[in-house]
Structure formats: structure tokens, C-alpha cells
């Protein structure tokens, strides 16, 4: 009856998203969907579930990209196994989990190559890209005139477009001017 995550036998209810969360995920997924119309990449948003077998976790990333055909868990077309890229829009309640335990679990997925963490209260994006076995590079973006170039798929988005119509906290806007 409600959206939840499954983590190794426990069902964890998921909190509802905010307007900012929705705007960021929509801005990104809309641009990705247009960019990948005639390419081998497919974009999925928060209603498609991800199964992480090594950790026995069902979760709902905000945005996922699959290269080629989606692989489905037990022929369920609502649950995929093979994202190349995952995006999480951070909330105050989940940012530590998304940055640590969830990222740790995602890294057990063989196809997984890139991870974006997007703050919804200030202009701030963390990008992790796989460079080798157990090796990841890190890039950070925090100015509205910057653009994120994805490492594993042919796509770029400006932070101005990513944060279009997002209502940032006043202190975050002041920090962007420095």
C-alpha cells in the first residue's frame, strides 16, 4: 500500500519527496530522455525498482540509466538489475545513507559505473565515476555556471538547467555568490 525499500528482510517505509526533489529529478530525467532518444541508453525514474542481489536490497533510485536492454529480476518488468548510472537526490533524512551504505551496496552491481548525489537545498552535486576495480574518481560541482559532464554516458547538463525552478535555501544562494 506504500512505497518502501526492502533491506535484507526488513521493510523500510520511504518518505515522500519534496517539490525540489521532484523538480531536480524531472529536470534531469527529461533532458536525459531527450538526449538518449536514438541511443542505446534507457532512462528510468523513481517508480522502477532496483534489486541488489549481493545485499538483498530492493530500492527505488531517483534516476537510473541502463545501457542496452534492461535485465529484469525474475521476469518482473518493474525490477531491474543492470543500471550503468544511478542518481539520488539528497534529503536531510537520507543523505548520509545515500552517500555511504547505499553507495556501498550499489558498488556490488557489476554494471554500475557512475553515481550522482544531488543536493536539493543548495547547488551542490557529487559525481563518482568508476575508473578501475575498486577505484572511483570524485568530482564536485557547486556553482550555477558549471556543467556536469557524465563520465560513462554521452551527456552534459548545466547546473542552471538541473536546478531550474528549484527553490534554494537563502543561505545556499548567498554561498553561491562568493
Protein backbone atom coordinates (compact mmCIF):
# COMPACT_ATOMS: atom_id res chain seq x y z
CA UNK A 1 0.00 0.00 0.00
CA UNK A 2 3.01 2.32 0.31
CA UNK A 3 6.40 2.69 -1.31
CA UNK A 4 9.15 1.04 0.72
CA UNK A 5 12.64 -0.36 0.47
CA UNK A 6 13.48 -3.95 1.32
CA UNK A 7 16.84 -4.40 3.02
CA UNK A 8 17.83 -7.97 3.87
CA UNK A 9 14.48 -8.99 5.31
CA UNK A 10 13.35 -5.62 6.66
CA UNK A 11 10.72 -3.43 5.02
CA UNK A 12 11.57 0.26 5.42
CA UNK A 13 8.85 2.82 4.54
CA UNK A 14 10.10 5.59 2.26
CA UNK A 15 9.29 9.21 2.98
CA UNK A 16 7.51 11.23 0.32
CA UNK A 17 9.55 13.52 -1.89
CA UNK A 18 9.57 17.31 -1.81
CA UNK A 19 8.81 19.75 -4.63
CA UNK A 20 12.55 20.47 -5.01
CA UNK A 21 13.31 16.75 -5.12
CA UNK A 22 10.72 16.25 -7.83
CA UNK A 23 11.89 19.25 -9.89
CA UNK A 24 15.52 18.12 -9.88
CA UNK A 25 14.70 14.51 -10.78
CA UNK A 26 12.30 15.69 -13.50
CA UNK A 27 14.75 18.24 -14.95
CA UNK A 28 17.47 15.63 -15.19
CA UNK A 29 15.35 12.72 -16.43
CA UNK A 30 13.57 14.85 -19.06
CA UNK A 31 16.88 16.07 -20.53
CA UNK A 32 18.34 12.56 -20.40
CA UNK A 33 15.29 11.07 -22.11
CA UNK A 34 15.50 13.59 -24.96
CA UNK A 35 19.28 13.14 -25.32
CA UNK A 36 19.00 9.34 -25.46
CA UNK A 37 16.05 9.03 -27.89
CA UNK A 38 18.16 7.39 -30.59
CA UNK A 39 20.87 5.79 -28.49
CA UNK A 40 21.38 2.51 -26.63
CA UNK A 41 20.63 4.12 -23.24
CA UNK A 42 17.31 4.00 -21.40
CA UNK A 43 16.27 6.26 -18.54
CA UNK A 44 14.19 5.07 -15.59
CA UNK A 45 12.76 7.21 -12.80
CA UNK A 46 11.76 6.56 -9.19
CA UNK A 47 8.92 4.10 -9.80
CA UNK A 48 11.17 1.40 -11.25
CA UNK A 49 12.72 -0.79 -8.60
CA UNK A 50 16.32 -1.97 -8.44
CA UNK A 51 17.29 -5.34 -6.97
CA UNK A 52 20.78 -5.60 -5.47
CA UNK A 53 21.26 -9.37 -5.04
CA UNK A 54 24.52 -9.37 -3.05
CA UNK A 55 22.91 -7.20 -0.36
CA UNK A 56 19.33 -8.45 -0.72
CA UNK A 57 18.04 -4.91 -1.24
CA UNK A 58 15.11 -3.62 -3.26
CA UNK A 59 15.34 0.14 -3.68
CA UNK A 60 13.97 2.94 -5.84
CA UNK A 61 16.75 5.22 -7.13
CA UNK A 62 15.56 8.64 -8.31
CA UNK A 63 17.04 8.15 -11.79
CA UNK A 64 18.77 5.16 -13.38
CA UNK A 65 20.29 4.66 -16.80
CA UNK A 66 20.65 1.26 -18.43
CA UNK A 67 22.89 0.65 -21.42
CA UNK A 68 21.30 -1.75 -23.90
CA UNK A 69 18.38 -3.88 -22.80
CA UNK A 70 17.21 -3.86 -19.18
CA UNK A 71 17.78 -7.09 -17.30
CA UNK A 72 14.76 -7.94 -15.18
CA UNK A 73 14.73 -9.74 -11.85
CA UNK A 74 12.62 -12.91 -12.09
CA UNK A 75 10.99 -11.59 -15.30
CA UNK A 76 9.38 -8.73 -13.35
CA UNK A 77 9.28 -5.71 -15.63
CA UNK A 78 9.16 -3.39 -12.60
CA UNK A 79 12.54 -4.53 -11.19
CA UNK A 80 15.86 -4.15 -12.99
CA UNK A 81 19.35 -5.47 -12.28
CA UNK A 82 21.75 -3.63 -14.61
CA UNK A 83 21.99 0.15 -14.24
CA UNK A 84 25.18 1.77 -15.50
CA UNK A 85 24.41 5.07 -13.75
CA UNK A 86 22.36 5.92 -10.65
CA UNK A 87 21.26 9.32 -9.39
CA UNK A 88 19.98 10.11 -5.92
CA UNK A 89 18.50 13.50 -4.96
CA UNK A 90 19.51 14.01 -1.35
CA UNK A 91 17.20 14.88 1.50
CA UNK A 92 18.28 15.80 5.01
CA UNK A 93 16.98 12.47 6.28
CA UNK A 94 18.62 10.21 3.68
CA UNK A 95 21.81 11.98 2.57
CA UNK A 96 24.15 10.01 4.85
CA UNK A 97 22.53 6.69 3.90
CA UNK A 98 22.68 7.58 0.17
CA UNK A 99 26.32 8.67 0.43
CA UNK A 100 27.55 5.67 2.47
CA UNK A 101 25.56 2.44 2.87
CA UNK A 102 23.55 2.77 -0.32
CA UNK A 103 26.63 3.65 -2.40
CA UNK A 104 28.41 0.67 -0.85
CA UNK A 105 25.53 -1.59 -1.93
CA UNK A 106 25.34 -0.08 -5.42
CA UNK A 107 29.03 -0.84 -5.96
CA UNK A 108 28.23 -4.58 -5.79
CA UNK A 109 26.24 -4.28 -9.05
CA UNK A 110 28.55 -5.42 -11.90
CA UNK A 111 27.17 -2.95 -14.48
CA UNK A 112 27.27 0.09 -12.14
CA UNK A 113 29.80 2.72 -13.29
CA UNK A 114 28.67 6.18 -12.15
CA UNK A 115 26.85 7.77 -9.21
CA UNK A 116 25.48 11.30 -8.79
CA UNK A 117 24.33 12.76 -5.50
CA UNK A 118 22.34 15.97 -5.94
CA UNK A 119 21.57 18.27 -3.02
CA UNK A 120 18.06 19.73 -3.15
CA UNK A 121 18.64 22.64 -0.75
CA UNK A 122 21.74 24.19 -2.36
CA UNK A 123 23.67 23.96 -5.60
CA UNK A 124 25.88 21.00 -4.90
CA UNK A 125 26.45 17.79 -6.87
CA UNK A 126 28.88 14.96 -6.14
CA UNK A 127 29.89 12.72 -9.02
CA UNK A 128 31.61 9.36 -8.57
CA UNK A 129 32.91 7.54 -11.66
CA UNK A 130 34.42 4.08 -11.71
CA UNK A 131 37.98 4.13 -13.04
CA UNK A 132 39.08 0.57 -12.24
CA UNK A 133 38.42 -2.37 -9.97
CA UNK A 134 37.53 -0.84 -6.58
CA UNK A 135 38.67 2.58 -7.85
CA UNK A 136 36.43 5.63 -8.20
CA UNK A 137 37.14 9.24 -9.13
CA UNK A 138 35.29 12.14 -7.50
CA UNK A 139 34.16 15.49 -8.92
CA UNK A 140 32.22 18.19 -7.09
CA UNK A 141 30.07 20.95 -8.59
CA UNK A 142 28.74 23.92 -6.63
CA UNK A 143 28.43 26.94 -8.95
CA UNK A 144 25.37 27.66 -11.09
CA UNK A 145 27.54 28.40 -14.16
CA UNK A 146 29.16 24.93 -14.10
CA UNK A 147 28.09 21.90 -16.13
CA UNK A 148 28.28 18.23 -15.27
CA UNK A 149 29.80 16.03 -17.94
CA UNK A 150 28.84 12.45 -17.32
CA UNK A 151 31.76 10.04 -17.47
CA UNK A 152 30.05 6.84 -18.58
CA UNK A 153 27.30 8.09 -20.90
CA UNK A 154 27.44 10.86 -23.56
CA UNK A 155 25.59 13.60 -21.70
CA UNK A 156 26.16 17.00 -20.16
CA UNK A 157 23.82 19.26 -18.17
CA UNK A 158 24.37 22.71 -16.73
CA UNK A 159 23.65 23.21 -13.06
CA UNK A 160 21.36 26.08 -14.09
CA UNK A 161 19.23 23.58 -16.06
CA UNK A 162 19.44 20.91 -13.38
CA UNK A 163 18.24 23.35 -10.70
CA UNK A 164 15.67 25.10 -12.93
CA UNK A 165 12.70 26.30 -10.79
CA UNK A 166 14.22 24.79 -7.62
CA UNK A 167 13.71 26.99 -4.56
CA UNK A 168 17.07 27.00 -2.81
CA UNK A 169 17.53 27.92 0.84
CA UNK A 170 18.54 31.58 1.33
CA UNK A 171 21.92 30.74 2.87
CA UNK A 172 22.73 28.43 -0.05
CA UNK A 173 22.05 31.22 -2.56
CA UNK A 174 24.34 33.61 -0.63
CA UNK A 175 27.09 30.97 -0.65
CA UNK A 176 26.89 30.64 -4.45
CA UNK A 177 27.77 34.33 -4.86
CA UNK A 178 31.13 34.01 -3.10
